[in-house]
Protein backbone atom coordinates (compact mmCIF):
# COMPACT_ATOMS: atom_id res chain seq x y z
CA MET A 1 -240.14 2.10 -67.17
CA ARG A 2 -236.41 1.57 -66.97
CA VAL A 3 -235.14 -0.82 -64.29
CA LEU A 4 -231.56 -1.20 -63.11
CA PHE A 5 -231.32 -4.83 -62.04
CA ILE A 6 -228.34 -5.76 -59.88
CA GLY A 7 -227.89 -9.49 -59.35
CA ASP A 8 -226.31 -12.71 -60.55
CA GLY A 9 -226.32 -12.64 -64.34
CA HIS A 10 -225.53 -16.35 -64.80
CA GLU A 11 -228.03 -17.67 -67.32
CA SER A 12 -229.40 -20.40 -65.06
CA SER A 13 -229.50 -18.46 -61.79
CA THR A 14 -232.75 -17.60 -60.05
CA SER A 15 -231.64 -13.97 -60.11
CA SER A 16 -231.31 -14.02 -63.90
CA HIS A 17 -234.78 -15.57 -64.13
CA ARG A 18 -236.19 -12.59 -62.21
CA ALA A 19 -234.42 -10.14 -64.52
CA LYS A 20 -236.16 -11.83 -67.46
CA ALA A 21 -239.47 -11.66 -65.59
CA PHE A 22 -239.09 -7.86 -65.52
CA LEU A 23 -238.69 -7.94 -69.30
CA ARG A 24 -241.84 -10.05 -69.68
CA LEU A 25 -243.69 -7.50 -67.56
CA GLY A 26 -242.77 -4.79 -70.06
CA TYR A 27 -239.87 -3.10 -68.28
CA GLU A 28 -236.68 -1.99 -69.99
CA VAL A 29 -233.87 -3.64 -68.03
CA MET A 30 -230.17 -2.95 -67.59
CA GLN A 31 -228.51 -5.73 -65.60
CA LEU A 32 -225.30 -5.46 -63.59
CA ASP A 33 -223.61 -8.44 -61.94
CA PRO A 34 -221.18 -7.64 -59.08
CA LEU A 35 -220.18 -11.29 -58.77
CA ARG A 36 -219.00 -11.29 -62.38
CA ALA A 37 -217.41 -7.85 -62.11
CA PHE A 38 -215.31 -8.94 -59.12
CA ALA A 39 -214.82 -12.57 -60.18
CA ALA A 40 -211.02 -12.27 -60.15
CA ARG A 41 -211.09 -11.14 -56.49
CA LEU A 42 -213.57 -13.79 -55.44
CA ARG A 43 -211.62 -16.88 -56.47
CA GLY A 44 -209.97 -19.36 -54.12
CA ASN A 45 -208.82 -18.31 -50.66
CA ALA A 46 -209.42 -14.61 -51.38
CA GLY A 47 -213.02 -15.33 -52.27
CA ARG A 48 -213.54 -17.36 -49.11
CA PHE A 49 -212.02 -14.52 -47.08
CA HIS A 50 -214.41 -11.93 -48.56
CA TYR A 51 -217.37 -14.29 -48.16
CA HIS A 52 -216.66 -14.88 -44.47
CA THR A 53 -215.91 -11.22 -43.73
CA GLY A 54 -219.11 -9.98 -45.31
CA TYR A 55 -217.37 -8.26 -48.26
CA THR A 56 -216.46 -5.33 -46.00
CA LEU A 57 -213.09 -4.77 -47.71
CA LEU A 58 -214.76 -4.57 -51.12
CA ARG A 59 -217.31 -1.86 -50.27
CA GLY A 60 -215.24 0.97 -51.70
CA ALA A 61 -214.40 -0.93 -54.87
CA VAL A 62 -218.05 -1.86 -55.41
CA LEU A 63 -219.08 1.79 -54.99
CA ASP A 64 -216.46 2.91 -57.54
CA TRP A 65 -217.64 0.19 -59.95
CA LEU A 66 -221.26 1.33 -59.66
CA ARG A 67 -220.27 4.96 -60.26
CA LYS A 68 -218.44 3.93 -63.41
CA GLU A 69 -221.34 1.80 -64.67
CA ILE A 70 -224.21 4.22 -64.00
CA GLY A 71 -222.45 7.55 -63.49
CA VAL A 72 -223.39 8.85 -66.93
CA GLY A 73 -226.27 8.28 -69.30
CA PRO A 74 -230.01 8.12 -68.70
CA THR A 75 -231.49 7.64 -65.26
CA PHE A 76 -233.68 4.75 -64.17
CA ASP A 77 -237.14 4.59 -62.67
CA LEU A 78 -236.30 1.81 -60.24
CA CYS A 79 -233.39 -0.25 -58.97
CA TRP A 80 -233.99 -3.88 -58.00
CA VAL A 81 -231.16 -5.44 -55.99
CA ASP A 82 -231.38 -9.24 -56.09
CA GLY A 83 -229.25 -10.62 -53.27
CA GLY A 84 -227.34 -7.52 -52.26
CA GLU A 85 -224.59 -9.09 -50.17
CA MET A 86 -221.84 -6.93 -51.73
CA LEU A 87 -223.61 -3.55 -51.61
CA GLY A 88 -222.96 -1.24 -48.65
CA ALA A 89 -225.00 1.75 -47.54
CA ASN A 90 -223.07 4.23 -49.73
CA SER A 91 -223.71 2.08 -52.80
CA VAL A 92 -227.44 1.91 -52.03
CA ARG A 93 -227.62 5.67 -51.54
CA LEU A 94 -225.97 6.11 -54.95
CA LEU A 95 -228.57 3.79 -56.47
CA ARG A 96 -231.39 5.81 -54.92
CA GLU A 97 -229.92 9.00 -56.34
CA ARG A 98 -229.75 7.54 -59.85
CA CYS A 99 -232.96 5.48 -59.74
CA GLY A 100 -235.31 7.29 -57.40
CA SER A 101 -235.90 4.19 -55.31
CA ALA A 102 -234.04 0.98 -54.55
CA ILE A 103 -235.66 -2.32 -53.60
CA LEU A 104 -233.81 -5.21 -51.98
CA PHE A 105 -235.02 -8.76 -52.56
CA ASN A 106 -233.15 -11.49 -50.71
CA HIS A 107 -234.49 -15.03 -50.35
CA ASP A 108 -231.71 -16.17 -48.02
CA ASP A 109 -231.69 -15.44 -44.28
CA PRO A 110 -229.43 -12.38 -43.83
CA THR A 111 -230.52 -11.82 -40.22
CA GLY A 112 -230.14 -15.47 -39.20
CA GLN A 113 -227.11 -17.09 -37.62
CA ARG A 114 -226.08 -19.59 -40.33
CA ASP A 115 -224.67 -16.97 -42.75
CA TRP A 116 -224.26 -14.15 -40.26
CA ARG A 117 -220.76 -13.13 -41.35
CA ARG A 118 -221.53 -13.39 -45.06
CA PHE A 119 -224.31 -10.77 -44.84
CA TYR A 120 -222.52 -8.22 -42.68
CA THR A 121 -222.39 -5.62 -45.47
CA LEU A 122 -226.00 -6.26 -46.48
CA ARG A 123 -227.28 -5.71 -42.93
CA SER A 124 -225.39 -2.43 -42.72
CA ALA A 125 -227.31 -1.20 -45.79
CA ILE A 126 -230.85 -2.33 -44.91
CA SER A 127 -231.92 1.10 -43.67
CA SER A 128 -230.83 2.72 -46.95
CA TYR A 129 -233.29 0.82 -49.16
CA HIS A 130 -236.66 2.24 -50.06
CA ARG A 131 -238.22 -1.21 -49.62
CA CYS A 132 -237.04 -4.71 -48.64
CA ALA A 133 -238.72 -7.97 -49.64
CA VAL A 134 -238.14 -11.06 -47.46
CA VAL A 135 -239.41 -14.65 -47.55
CA ARG A 136 -239.73 -15.40 -43.81
CA SER A 137 -242.41 -13.88 -41.58
CA PHE A 138 -239.95 -13.27 -38.74
CA ASN A 139 -237.52 -11.51 -41.12
CA VAL A 140 -239.99 -8.61 -41.25
CA ASP A 141 -239.42 -7.52 -37.66
CA GLU A 142 -235.73 -8.38 -37.85
CA PHE A 143 -235.24 -6.12 -40.87
CA LYS A 144 -237.20 -3.35 -39.14
CA ALA A 145 -234.83 -3.67 -36.18
CA TYR A 146 -232.03 -2.83 -38.63
CA GLY A 147 -233.91 0.31 -39.69
CA ALA A 148 -235.76 -0.94 -42.77
CA GLN A 149 -238.15 1.73 -44.00
CA ASP A 150 -240.66 -0.67 -45.57
CA VAL A 151 -240.67 -4.48 -45.51
CA VAL A 152 -242.83 -6.73 -47.70
CA ARG A 153 -243.13 -10.43 -46.94
CA VAL A 154 -243.37 -12.71 -50.01
CA TYR A 155 -242.82 -16.39 -50.76
CA ARG A 156 -239.98 -17.87 -52.75
CA THR A 157 -240.87 -18.29 -56.39
CA TYR A 158 -240.91 -20.47 -59.47
CA ASP A 159 -240.22 -18.90 -62.85
CA GLU A 160 -243.11 -18.90 -65.30
CA VAL A 161 -240.86 -19.73 -68.26
CA ALA A 162 -237.71 -21.43 -66.93
CA HIS A 163 -239.61 -23.99 -64.84
CA ALA A 164 -242.51 -24.69 -67.16
CA ALA A 165 -243.03 -28.27 -68.30
CA PRO A 166 -242.78 -28.65 -72.09
CA ALA A 167 -246.06 -28.70 -73.98
CA GLY A 168 -247.56 -31.89 -75.31
CA HIS A 169 -246.20 -34.32 -72.69
CA ALA A 170 -242.72 -34.36 -74.23
CA PRO A 171 -240.84 -37.61 -73.51
CA ILE A 172 -238.42 -37.79 -70.58
CA GLY A 173 -235.05 -39.42 -71.10
CA GLU A 174 -234.20 -42.47 -69.00
CA ARG A 175 -231.41 -40.54 -67.27
CA PHE A 176 -234.03 -38.33 -65.62
CA ARG A 177 -236.52 -41.03 -64.64
CA SER A 178 -236.55 -42.15 -61.03
CA ASP A 179 -238.71 -43.41 -58.19
CA VAL A 180 -237.66 -40.84 -55.58
CA CYS A 181 -235.65 -37.77 -56.47
CA PHE A 182 -233.81 -35.21 -54.40
CA ILE A 183 -232.23 -32.17 -56.08
CA GLY A 184 -230.04 -30.08 -53.83
CA ALA A 185 -226.70 -29.70 -52.12
CA ASN A 186 -225.37 -31.59 -49.13
CA TYR A 187 -225.06 -28.93 -46.40
CA LYS A 188 -222.85 -29.39 -43.38
CA GLY A 189 -224.82 -29.93 -40.20
CA GLU A 190 -228.16 -30.69 -41.87
CA ASN A 191 -227.75 -34.52 -41.95
CA ARG A 192 -229.35 -34.79 -45.38
CA ASP A 193 -226.81 -37.45 -46.30
CA TYR A 194 -227.75 -39.74 -43.42
CA PHE A 195 -231.46 -39.18 -44.08
CA LEU A 196 -231.14 -40.23 -47.72
CA ALA A 197 -228.84 -43.13 -46.82
CA ASN A 198 -231.50 -44.44 -44.45
CA LEU A 199 -234.11 -44.27 -47.22
CA ILE A 200 -231.77 -46.30 -49.40
CA ASP A 201 -231.37 -48.84 -46.60
CA ARG A 202 -235.15 -49.20 -46.49
CA GLY A 203 -235.17 -50.11 -50.18
CA LEU A 204 -236.17 -46.90 -51.95
CA LYS A 205 -234.49 -46.26 -55.30
CA LEU A 206 -233.20 -42.71 -55.14
CA ALA A 207 -231.83 -40.29 -57.68
CA ILE A 208 -229.67 -37.62 -56.03
CA TRP A 209 -228.60 -34.52 -57.91
CA GLY A 210 -226.45 -31.74 -56.48
CA ASP A 211 -223.09 -30.71 -55.09
CA HIS A 212 -220.89 -31.71 -52.12
CA TRP A 213 -222.31 -35.20 -51.59
CA GLU A 214 -218.85 -36.71 -52.00
CA ARG A 215 -217.87 -34.99 -48.74
CA SER A 216 -220.31 -37.15 -46.77
CA PRO A 217 -219.08 -39.90 -44.42
CA VAL A 218 -221.70 -42.15 -46.07
CA TRP A 219 -220.68 -41.26 -49.62
CA LYS A 220 -219.96 -44.91 -50.49
CA LYS A 221 -223.61 -45.70 -49.88
CA LEU A 222 -224.87 -42.61 -51.72
CA GLU A 223 -222.49 -42.77 -54.68
CA PRO A 224 -224.42 -45.37 -56.73
CA PHE A 225 -227.50 -43.13 -56.51
CA HIS A 226 -225.78 -39.82 -57.25
CA ARG A 227 -226.51 -38.90 -60.86
CA GLY A 228 -224.65 -35.61 -61.16
CA GLY A 229 -224.16 -32.07 -59.93
CA ASN A 230 -226.46 -29.09 -59.95
CA LEU A 231 -229.19 -29.23 -62.61
CA THR A 232 -230.42 -26.28 -64.65
CA GLY A 233 -232.78 -25.52 -67.50
CA SER A 234 -234.72 -28.32 -69.18
CA GLU A 235 -232.66 -30.98 -67.38
CA TYR A 236 -233.86 -29.64 -64.02
CA VAL A 237 -237.48 -29.69 -65.18
CA ASP A 238 -237.12 -33.21 -66.63
CA ALA A 239 -235.64 -34.57 -63.39
CA ILE A 240 -238.63 -33.17 -61.49
CA ARG A 241 -241.34 -34.45 -63.82
CA GLY A 242 -239.50 -37.75 -64.36
CA ALA A 243 -239.66 -38.68 -60.67
CA LYS A 244 -242.53 -40.44 -58.97
CA ALA A 245 -241.81 -38.44 -55.80
CA CYS A 246 -239.70 -35.31 -55.32
CA LEU A 247 -238.38 -34.83 -51.80
CA GLY A 248 -238.50 -31.36 -50.28
CA LEU A 249 -235.84 -31.21 -47.54
CA LEU A 250 -235.53 -27.98 -45.58
CA ALA A 251 -232.42 -26.34 -44.15
CA ALA A 252 -233.11 -26.01 -40.43
CA ARG A 253 -230.05 -23.82 -39.87
CA ASN A 254 -231.44 -21.47 -42.52
CA ARG A 255 -234.78 -21.34 -40.65
CA ASP A 256 -236.66 -22.57 -43.74
CA GLU A 257 -240.35 -23.43 -43.71
CA HIS A 258 -240.46 -23.64 -47.50
CA THR A 259 -237.89 -23.43 -50.32
CA THR A 260 -237.87 -22.61 -54.01
CA ARG A 261 -238.36 -26.35 -54.61
CA SER A 262 -241.70 -26.04 -52.82
CA MET A 263 -242.91 -23.94 -55.75
CA GLU A 264 -240.81 -25.26 -58.64
CA ILE A 265 -241.68 -28.94 -58.16
CA PRO A 266 -245.47 -28.65 -58.53
CA TYR A 267 -245.17 -25.99 -61.24
CA ALA A 268 -242.87 -28.18 -63.36
CA GLY A 269 -245.22 -31.14 -63.05
CA GLY A 270 -243.58 -32.96 -60.16
CA VAL A 271 -245.08 -34.55 -57.07
CA LEU A 272 -244.04 -32.73 -53.89
CA CYS A 273 -243.22 -34.91 -50.86
CA ALA A 274 -241.87 -32.43 -48.32
CA GLN A 275 -241.33 -31.74 -44.65
CA ARG A 276 -244.52 -30.69 -42.87
CA THR A 277 -244.49 -27.03 -41.79
CA PRO A 278 -247.21 -24.42 -41.26
CA GLU A 279 -246.14 -22.73 -44.50
CA HIS A 280 -246.24 -25.94 -46.53
CA THR A 281 -249.68 -26.90 -45.22
CA GLY A 282 -250.87 -23.37 -45.96
CA LEU A 283 -249.61 -23.55 -49.54
CA TYR A 284 -251.02 -27.01 -50.38
CA ASN A 285 -253.80 -29.25 -49.13
CA GLU A 286 -252.12 -32.24 -47.55
CA GLY A 287 -252.98 -35.53 -49.18
CA SER A 288 -254.52 -34.08 -52.33
CA GLU A 289 -252.03 -31.46 -53.60
CA ALA A 290 -248.83 -32.67 -51.88
CA LEU A 291 -247.73 -35.22 -49.30
CA PHE A 292 -246.01 -34.06 -46.11
CA TRP A 293 -244.07 -35.74 -43.33
CA SER A 294 -242.55 -34.83 -39.98
CA ASN A 295 -240.03 -37.63 -39.45
CA PHE A 296 -238.11 -40.30 -41.29
CA GLU A 297 -240.75 -43.02 -40.96
CA GLU A 298 -243.48 -40.74 -42.31
CA CYS A 299 -241.23 -39.73 -45.21
CA TYR A 300 -240.51 -43.36 -46.07
CA LEU A 301 -244.21 -44.26 -46.01
CA ALA A 302 -245.27 -41.20 -48.04
CA ALA A 303 -242.61 -41.74 -50.71
CA SER A 304 -243.43 -45.45 -50.89
CA ARG A 305 -247.11 -44.67 -51.44
CA LEU A 306 -246.28 -42.36 -54.32
CA VAL A 307 -244.00 -44.92 -55.92
CA SER A 308 -246.59 -47.69 -55.79
CA ASP A 309 -249.87 -45.82 -56.34
CA ASP A 310 -250.16 -44.47 -59.89
CA ALA A 311 -253.62 -42.99 -59.36
CA LEU A 312 -252.58 -41.09 -56.21
CA ARG A 313 -249.48 -39.81 -57.93
CA THR A 314 -251.41 -38.55 -60.96
CA ARG A 315 -254.02 -36.87 -58.78
CA ILE A 316 -251.46 -35.03 -56.65
CA ARG A 317 -249.45 -34.02 -59.70
CA GLU A 318 -252.47 -32.46 -61.42
CA ARG A 319 -253.92 -30.78 -58.33
CA GLY A 320 -250.51 -29.53 -57.19
CA MET A 321 -249.88 -27.92 -60.58
CA GLU A 322 -253.27 -26.21 -60.36
CA ARG A 323 -252.80 -25.02 -56.78
CA VAL A 324 -249.32 -23.55 -57.20
CA ARG A 325 -250.61 -21.36 -60.02
CA LYS A 326 -253.50 -20.17 -57.86
CA ASN A 327 -251.03 -19.28 -55.12
CA CYS A 328 -249.51 -16.52 -57.29
CA VAL A 329 -245.93 -17.40 -56.40
CA GLY A 330 -244.29 -16.97 -59.79
CA ASN A 331 -241.59 -14.38 -60.38
CA GLU A 332 -243.93 -12.09 -62.31
CA SER A 333 -246.56 -12.12 -59.57
CA MET A 334 -243.97 -11.58 -56.84
CA ILE A 335 -242.39 -8.63 -58.65
CA ALA A 336 -245.80 -7.08 -59.24
CA LYS A 337 -246.59 -7.39 -55.53
CA VAL A 338 -243.31 -5.84 -54.41
CA VAL A 339 -243.15 -3.07 -57.00
CA GLY A 340 -246.85 -2.28 -57.30
CA PRO A 341 -250.35 -3.73 -57.16
CA LEU A 342 -250.64 -7.49 -57.37
CA SER A 343 -251.77 -8.38 -60.88
CA CYS A 344 -252.57 -12.06 -60.32
């Protein structure tokens, strides 16, 4: 089968990982990246303008670009749109004409308030897709309220290849070894910076990776523990498996009950120490496959236990790796569920 895959083509992006998962499943894939195609228009102030106006002024240009890219040549059996924030209803209808069906997968929260303006164009096109896949239970009814024809609820995913730990217990460089690790950005309004600063005050030795931490009012306290920006590839995997505890912080304004880290950390051989939610406790047995917490004090105690107790840490690491595979939350399994029968 031939798949037209529309999504971020950056080598390290989660979207690119899913395109490669289609290849591993035996599909022939043509990938188009609207972010790359319109990169010149999305820089600086112009890019911020389009982002905050939901790309409405680019709809016509995106439609013309799609016509040029797929207007001639062989047809496709399926179109998978990964993200979809720049595609309006006319673009989706064109994709259905050329591909028979078009599926939208978006692991953000397009119907939530945090990024409401960003996803204006996407929401206007929901009713034009053959099927939509979402990662929040409440997104199902919200998408249906926008006219979605068919909505499938899935979990966020790890990638079977990109996030796999190297075989043979390969050594981990000192740069990626830590007691407690957090990998992620500092988001305005989420207070992640103060939370981590308080853990530092209590004596935990943190390794913080990610963007925008220098914007924090407590940056001076965080700076000695900040090891670099966004991690990708083998460095991302090494930072996970090199930590005694990997924190899983959720974005409340994004209505998260789990994140991609919830899957990637155990799969890569890390020890998940995350906020307690119904979804997290449904994915892993608390105390044996992951440790969970509901407040700062619980987080401090859980992370401290993992740092000091080698046997507990080894047990959770091994059982977490086993459980996440049983959960069938890899890219290949998710695609199989959305496109056809679940193969896992």
